[in-house]
Amino acid sequence: MASDIIRLHNMMFYGYHGVSPAEKETGRRFEVDVELYVNIHPASESDKLSDTVNYTQVYKTVEEILSREHFSLLETIAERLAEAILSRFHVGSVAVRVRKKIPPIPGNLDHIEVEIKRPQI
């Protein structure tokens, strides 16, 4: 695994994901962190975007999945994001964290978070 990390931290989206009908109808705010494990040495030497991961395209990938697809579980969102990133970008592995803000759980709770790590196969 590459030891260098590129992080996209706290990307925010509004989505209609969840188990309850209310979540699917009214939606919730979701936050996503992505860690890309890559070798940044070629890009640091060349100073060319073509030698690294295009952060804008990673953001757009996450945005596309959260806005166009519908999921019941955070676990499924995280897995789908990891699969898409691994298939579209040249990275050694990826870590994805997905947070649902103000989840429909009785009590005082800021968010629920799922984190997964997946290697490039």
N, C-alpha and C. Protein backbone atom coordinates (compact mmCIF):
# COMPACT_ATOMS: atom_id res chain seq x y z
N MET A 1 0.85 -1.17 0.00
CA MET A 1 0.00 0.00 0.00
C MET A 1 0.89 1.23 0.00
N ALA A 2 0.50 2.24 -0.78
CA ALA A 2 1.24 3.50 -0.81
C ALA A 2 1.10 4.19 0.54
N SER A 3 2.16 4.89 0.94
CA SER A 3 2.13 5.54 2.25
C SER A 3 1.65 6.99 2.19
N ASP A 4 1.51 7.54 0.99
CA ASP A 4 1.04 8.92 0.85
C ASP A 4 -0.49 8.92 0.83
N ILE A 5 -1.07 10.00 1.37
CA ILE A 5 -2.52 10.08 1.46
C ILE A 5 -3.00 11.42 0.94
N ILE A 6 -4.01 11.38 0.10
CA ILE A 6 -4.74 12.57 -0.31
C ILE A 6 -6.10 12.47 0.35
N ARG A 7 -6.50 13.52 1.07
CA ARG A 7 -7.78 13.51 1.79
C ARG A 7 -8.73 14.56 1.23
N LEU A 8 -9.96 14.15 1.02
CA LEU A 8 -11.06 15.07 0.76
C LEU A 8 -11.94 14.97 2.00
N HIS A 9 -11.95 16.03 2.78
CA HIS A 9 -12.54 15.97 4.11
C HIS A 9 -13.82 16.80 4.19
N ASN A 10 -14.83 16.17 4.74
CA ASN A 10 -16.09 16.82 5.07
C ASN A 10 -16.84 17.36 3.85
N MET A 11 -16.91 16.56 2.80
CA MET A 11 -17.75 16.91 1.65
C MET A 11 -19.20 16.80 2.12
N MET A 12 -20.03 17.79 1.80
CA MET A 12 -21.41 17.79 2.29
C MET A 12 -22.41 17.70 1.15
N PHE A 13 -23.42 16.84 1.37
CA PHE A 13 -24.45 16.62 0.37
C PHE A 13 -25.79 16.43 1.06
N TYR A 14 -26.85 16.70 0.35
CA TYR A 14 -28.19 16.41 0.85
C TYR A 14 -28.70 15.22 0.05
N GLY A 15 -29.22 14.21 0.76
CA GLY A 15 -29.66 13.01 0.06
C GLY A 15 -30.89 12.40 0.70
N TYR A 16 -31.53 11.54 -0.04
CA TYR A 16 -32.77 10.89 0.39
C TYR A 16 -32.50 9.42 0.65
N HIS A 17 -31.63 9.16 1.58
CA HIS A 17 -31.21 7.81 1.91
C HIS A 17 -31.66 7.50 3.33
N GLY A 18 -32.03 6.26 3.55
CA GLY A 18 -32.42 5.84 4.89
C GLY A 18 -33.41 4.70 4.84
N VAL A 19 -33.72 4.19 6.00
CA VAL A 19 -34.64 3.07 6.11
C VAL A 19 -36.09 3.55 6.20
N SER A 20 -36.32 4.62 6.92
CA SER A 20 -37.70 5.07 7.15
C SER A 20 -38.24 5.84 5.95
N PRO A 21 -39.55 5.77 5.75
CA PRO A 21 -40.17 6.55 4.67
C PRO A 21 -39.92 8.06 4.82
N ALA A 22 -39.90 8.55 6.06
CA ALA A 22 -39.66 9.98 6.28
C ALA A 22 -38.28 10.39 5.77
N GLU A 23 -37.25 9.58 6.03
CA GLU A 23 -35.90 9.90 5.55
C GLU A 23 -35.85 9.95 4.04
N LYS A 24 -36.55 9.00 3.43
CA LYS A 24 -36.54 8.93 1.97
C LYS A 24 -37.35 10.07 1.34
N GLU A 25 -38.30 10.62 2.11
CA GLU A 25 -39.13 11.70 1.58
C GLU A 25 -38.53 13.08 1.85
N THR A 26 -38.08 13.31 3.08
CA THR A 26 -37.58 14.64 3.44
C THR A 26 -36.08 14.78 3.28
N GLY A 27 -35.36 13.68 3.35
CA GLY A 27 -33.91 13.71 3.17
C GLY A 27 -33.16 14.13 4.42
N ARG A 28 -31.85 14.04 4.34
CA ARG A 28 -30.94 14.38 5.44
C ARG A 28 -29.64 14.91 4.83
N ARG A 29 -28.86 15.55 5.69
CA ARG A 29 -27.53 15.98 5.28
C ARG A 29 -26.54 14.85 5.53
N PHE A 30 -25.68 14.62 4.56
CA PHE A 30 -24.65 13.60 4.66
C PHE A 30 -23.29 14.26 4.47
N GLU A 31 -22.31 13.76 5.20
CA GLU A 31 -20.94 14.21 5.07
C GLU A 31 -20.08 13.01 4.70
N VAL A 32 -19.10 13.25 3.85
CA VAL A 32 -18.25 12.16 3.36
C VAL A 32 -16.79 12.61 3.44
N ASP A 33 -15.95 11.71 3.95
CA ASP A 33 -14.50 11.87 3.91
C ASP A 33 -13.95 10.75 3.04
N VAL A 34 -12.97 11.06 2.22
CA VAL A 34 -12.31 10.06 1.39
C VAL A 34 -10.81 10.20 1.58
N GLU A 35 -10.15 9.09 1.83
CA GLU A 35 -8.69 9.06 1.90
C GLU A 35 -8.20 8.18 0.76
N LEU A 36 -7.35 8.76 -0.07
CA LEU A 36 -6.81 8.04 -1.23
C LEU A 36 -5.35 7.73 -0.92
N TYR A 37 -5.02 6.46 -0.91
CA TYR A 37 -3.64 6.03 -0.65
C TYR A 37 -2.94 5.87 -1.99
N VAL A 38 -2.01 6.78 -2.24
CA VAL A 38 -1.35 6.86 -3.54
C VAL A 38 0.13 7.18 -3.35
N ASN A 39 0.87 7.01 -4.41
CA ASN A 39 2.26 7.46 -4.44
C ASN A 39 2.25 8.83 -5.09
N ILE A 40 2.48 9.88 -4.32
CA ILE A 40 2.43 11.23 -4.89
C ILE A 40 3.77 11.70 -5.44
N HIS A 41 4.79 10.87 -5.33
CA HIS A 41 6.12 11.27 -5.80
C HIS A 41 6.14 11.71 -7.28
N PRO A 42 5.53 10.95 -8.20
CA PRO A 42 5.56 11.41 -9.60
C PRO A 42 4.95 12.80 -9.77
N ALA A 43 3.85 13.08 -9.10
CA ALA A 43 3.22 14.40 -9.23
C ALA A 43 4.07 15.49 -8.58
N SER A 44 4.69 15.15 -7.46
CA SER A 44 5.53 16.16 -6.78
C SER A 44 6.75 16.52 -7.63
N GLU A 45 7.22 15.58 -8.42
CA GLU A 45 8.36 15.84 -9.30
C GLU A 45 7.94 16.62 -10.55
N SER A 46 6.81 16.23 -11.15
CA SER A 46 6.41 16.84 -12.42
C SER A 46 5.55 18.10 -12.24
N ASP A 47 4.84 18.19 -11.11
CA ASP A 47 3.90 19.28 -10.84
C ASP A 47 2.78 19.31 -11.88
N LYS A 48 2.39 18.10 -12.35
CA LYS A 48 1.34 17.98 -13.36
C LYS A 48 0.15 17.22 -12.80
N LEU A 49 -1.04 17.74 -13.07
CA LEU A 49 -2.28 17.09 -12.62
C LEU A 49 -2.40 15.67 -13.17
N SER A 50 -1.89 15.45 -14.36
CA SER A 50 -1.99 14.13 -14.98
C SER A 50 -1.21 13.06 -14.22
N ASP A 51 -0.33 13.47 -13.30
CA ASP A 51 0.46 12.51 -12.54
C ASP A 51 -0.09 12.26 -11.13
N THR A 52 -1.29 12.74 -10.87
CA THR A 52 -1.91 12.51 -9.57
C THR A 52 -3.39 12.24 -9.76
N VAL A 53 -4.11 12.16 -8.67
CA VAL A 53 -5.56 11.95 -8.70
C VAL A 53 -6.23 13.32 -8.80
N ASN A 54 -7.17 13.46 -9.72
CA ASN A 54 -7.88 14.72 -9.90
C ASN A 54 -8.94 14.83 -8.80
N TYR A 55 -8.69 15.72 -7.83
CA TYR A 55 -9.59 15.84 -6.67
C TYR A 55 -10.99 16.25 -7.09
N THR A 56 -11.08 17.11 -8.09
CA THR A 56 -12.39 17.55 -8.56
C THR A 56 -13.21 16.37 -9.08
N GLN A 57 -12.55 15.46 -9.79
CA GLN A 57 -13.26 14.31 -10.32
C GLN A 57 -13.68 13.34 -9.21
N VAL A 58 -12.87 13.22 -8.17
CA VAL A 58 -13.26 12.39 -7.02
C VAL A 58 -14.50 12.99 -6.37
N TYR A 59 -14.48 14.30 -6.14
CA TYR A 59 -15.64 14.98 -5.56
C TYR A 59 -16.89 14.75 -6.40
N LYS A 60 -16.76 14.91 -7.71
CA LYS A 60 -17.90 14.72 -8.60
C LYS A 60 -18.42 13.29 -8.57
N THR A 61 -17.53 12.34 -8.41
CA THR A 61 -17.94 10.93 -8.30
C THR A 61 -18.80 10.73 -7.06
N VAL A 62 -18.34 11.27 -5.93
CA VAL A 62 -19.11 11.15 -4.68
C VAL A 62 -20.45 11.86 -4.82
N GLU A 63 -20.43 13.06 -5.35
CA GLU A 63 -21.66 13.84 -5.53
C GLU A 63 -22.66 13.11 -6.42
N GLU A 64 -22.18 12.56 -7.51
CA GLU A 64 -23.03 11.84 -8.46
C GLU A 64 -23.74 10.66 -7.78
N ILE A 65 -23.01 9.89 -7.03
CA ILE A 65 -23.59 8.71 -6.38
C ILE A 65 -24.59 9.12 -5.31
N LEU A 66 -24.25 10.10 -4.49
CA LEU A 66 -25.17 10.51 -3.43
C LEU A 66 -26.40 11.23 -3.95
N SER A 67 -26.30 11.89 -5.09
CA SER A 67 -27.46 12.63 -5.60
C SER A 67 -28.32 11.82 -6.57
N ARG A 68 -27.76 10.84 -7.23
CA ARG A 68 -28.53 10.09 -8.24
C ARG A 68 -29.02 8.73 -7.79
N GLU A 69 -28.36 8.15 -6.82
CA GLU A 69 -28.75 6.82 -6.35
C GLU A 69 -29.43 6.93 -4.99
N HIS A 70 -30.16 5.88 -4.63
CA HIS A 70 -30.87 5.87 -3.35
C HIS A 70 -30.52 4.60 -2.59
N PHE A 71 -30.21 4.77 -1.31
CA PHE A 71 -29.77 3.65 -0.47
C PHE A 71 -30.52 3.67 0.85
N SER A 72 -30.64 2.51 1.45
CA SER A 72 -31.22 2.42 2.79
C SER A 72 -30.14 2.56 3.85
N LEU A 73 -28.95 2.00 3.61
CA LEU A 73 -27.93 1.91 4.65
C LEU A 73 -26.69 2.74 4.34
N LEU A 74 -26.10 3.31 5.38
CA LEU A 74 -24.81 3.99 5.24
C LEU A 74 -23.74 3.02 4.77
N GLU A 75 -23.83 1.77 5.22
CA GLU A 75 -22.86 0.76 4.82
C GLU A 75 -22.85 0.59 3.30
N THR A 76 -24.03 0.62 2.70
CA THR A 76 -24.13 0.46 1.25
C THR A 76 -23.57 1.69 0.53
N ILE A 77 -23.84 2.87 1.06
CA ILE A 77 -23.29 4.09 0.46
C ILE A 77 -21.77 4.04 0.48
N ALA A 78 -21.19 3.72 1.63
CA ALA A 78 -19.73 3.66 1.76
C ALA A 78 -19.13 2.65 0.78
N GLU A 79 -19.73 1.49 0.68
CA GLU A 79 -19.22 0.45 -0.22
C GLU A 79 -19.31 0.91 -1.68
N ARG A 80 -20.44 1.50 -2.05
CA ARG A 80 -20.62 1.96 -3.43
C ARG A 80 -19.61 3.05 -3.78
N LEU A 81 -19.36 3.96 -2.84
CA LEU A 81 -18.37 5.01 -3.09
C LEU A 81 -16.97 4.42 -3.26
N ALA A 82 -16.61 3.51 -2.39
CA ALA A 82 -15.28 2.87 -2.48
C ALA A 82 -15.12 2.15 -3.82
N GLU A 83 -16.13 1.40 -4.22
CA GLU A 83 -16.07 0.67 -5.51
C GLU A 83 -15.88 1.64 -6.67
N ALA A 84 -16.64 2.73 -6.67
CA ALA A 84 -16.56 3.69 -7.77
C ALA A 84 -15.19 4.36 -7.82
N ILE A 85 -14.67 4.75 -6.67
CA ILE A 85 -13.36 5.41 -6.64
C ILE A 85 -12.27 4.45 -7.09
N LEU A 86 -12.31 3.22 -6.61
CA LEU A 86 -11.29 2.25 -7.00
C LEU A 86 -11.35 1.92 -8.49
N SER A 87 -12.54 1.94 -9.07
CA SER A 87 -12.66 1.61 -10.48
C SER A 87 -12.32 2.78 -11.40
N ARG A 88 -12.43 4.02 -10.91
CA ARG A 88 -12.23 5.19 -11.76
C ARG A 88 -10.87 5.88 -11.61
N PHE A 89 -10.18 5.61 -10.49
CA PHE A 89 -8.94 6.34 -10.21
C PHE A 89 -7.81 5.39 -9.88
N HIS A 90 -6.61 5.83 -10.18
CA HIS A 90 -5.42 5.02 -9.93
C HIS A 90 -4.94 5.26 -8.50
N VAL A 91 -5.48 4.46 -7.58
CA VAL A 91 -5.11 4.56 -6.17
C VAL A 91 -4.79 3.16 -5.64
N GLY A 92 -3.94 3.08 -4.63
CA GLY A 92 -3.60 1.79 -4.04
C GLY A 92 -4.70 1.24 -3.18
N SER A 93 -5.36 2.13 -2.44
CA SER A 93 -6.51 1.75 -1.63
C SER A 93 -7.25 3.03 -1.27
N VAL A 94 -8.43 2.84 -0.67
CA VAL A 94 -9.27 3.99 -0.32
C VAL A 94 -9.93 3.73 1.03
N ALA A 95 -10.09 4.79 1.79
CA ALA A 95 -10.90 4.76 3.01
C ALA A 95 -12.04 5.75 2.81
N VAL A 96 -13.24 5.33 3.18
CA VAL A 96 -14.42 6.18 3.02
C VAL A 96 -15.15 6.23 4.35
N ARG A 97 -15.49 7.45 4.77
CA ARG A 97 -16.34 7.64 5.94
C ARG A 97 -17.58 8.39 5.49
N VAL A 98 -18.75 7.87 5.87
CA VAL A 98 -20.02 8.50 5.55
C VAL A 98 -20.75 8.79 6.85
N ARG A 99 -21.17 10.05 7.01
CA ARG A 99 -21.91 10.46 8.20
C ARG A 99 -23.30 10.93 7.83
N LYS A 100 -24.28 10.49 8.59
CA LYS A 100 -25.64 11.00 8.46
C LYS A 100 -25.85 11.96 9.61
N LYS A 101 -26.07 13.24 9.26
CA LYS A 101 -26.29 14.26 10.28
C LYS A 101 -27.72 14.17 10.82
N ILE A 102 -27.85 14.40 12.09
CA ILE A 102 -29.13 14.40 12.79
C ILE A 102 -29.96 13.16 12.41
N PRO A 103 -29.47 11.98 12.75
CA PRO A 103 -30.18 10.75 12.40
C PRO A 103 -31.49 10.62 13.19
N PRO A 104 -32.42 9.86 12.66
CA PRO A 104 -33.73 9.72 13.32
C PRO A 104 -33.67 8.72 14.48
N ILE A 105 -32.89 9.06 15.48
CA ILE A 105 -32.73 8.22 16.66
C ILE A 105 -33.12 9.07 17.86
N PRO A 106 -33.99 8.56 18.72
CA PRO A 106 -34.36 9.35 19.91
C PRO A 106 -33.13 9.63 20.76
N GLY A 107 -32.98 10.86 21.19
CA GLY A 107 -31.85 11.22 22.03
C GLY A 107 -31.00 12.29 21.39
N ASN A 108 -29.95 12.67 22.09
CA ASN A 108 -29.05 13.73 21.65
C ASN A 108 -27.88 13.10 20.91
N LEU A 109 -27.89 13.20 19.59
CA LEU A 109 -26.88 12.54 18.76
C LEU A 109 -26.58 13.40 17.55
N ASP A 110 -25.33 13.74 17.35
CA ASP A 110 -24.93 14.59 16.23
C ASP A 110 -24.98 13.86 14.89
N HIS A 111 -24.41 12.65 14.85
CA HIS A 111 -24.38 11.92 13.59
C HIS A 111 -24.07 10.43 13.83
N ILE A 112 -24.33 9.66 12.78
CA ILE A 112 -23.93 8.25 12.71
C ILE A 112 -22.88 8.18 11.61
N GLU A 113 -21.83 7.38 11.82
CA GLU A 113 -20.76 7.30 10.84
C GLU A 113 -20.39 5.84 10.57
N VAL A 114 -20.14 5.55 9.29
CA VAL A 114 -19.63 4.25 8.87
C VAL A 114 -18.30 4.51 8.17
N GLU A 115 -17.30 3.71 8.48
CA GLU A 115 -16.00 3.83 7.83
C GLU A 115 -15.60 2.48 7.26
N ILE A 116 -15.14 2.49 6.01
CA ILE A 116 -14.61 1.27 5.40
C ILE A 116 -13.29 1.58 4.73
N LYS A 117 -12.45 0.56 4.60
CA LYS A 117 -11.18 0.66 3.88
C LYS A 117 -11.15 -0.48 2.88
N ARG A 118 -10.81 -0.17 1.65
CA ARG A 118 -10.77 -1.18 0.60
C ARG A 118 -9.49 -1.04 -0.22
N PRO A 119 -8.83 -2.17 -0.52
CA PRO A 119 -7.64 -2.13 -1.37
C PRO A 119 -7.99 -2.21 -2.84
N GLN A 120 -7.10 -1.73 -3.67
CA GLN A 120 -7.23 -1.93 -5.13
C GLN A 120 -6.89 -3.39 -5.39
N ILE A 121 -7.69 -4.05 -6.16
CA ILE A 121 -7.46 -5.48 -6.43
C ILE A 121 -6.84 -5.63 -7.80
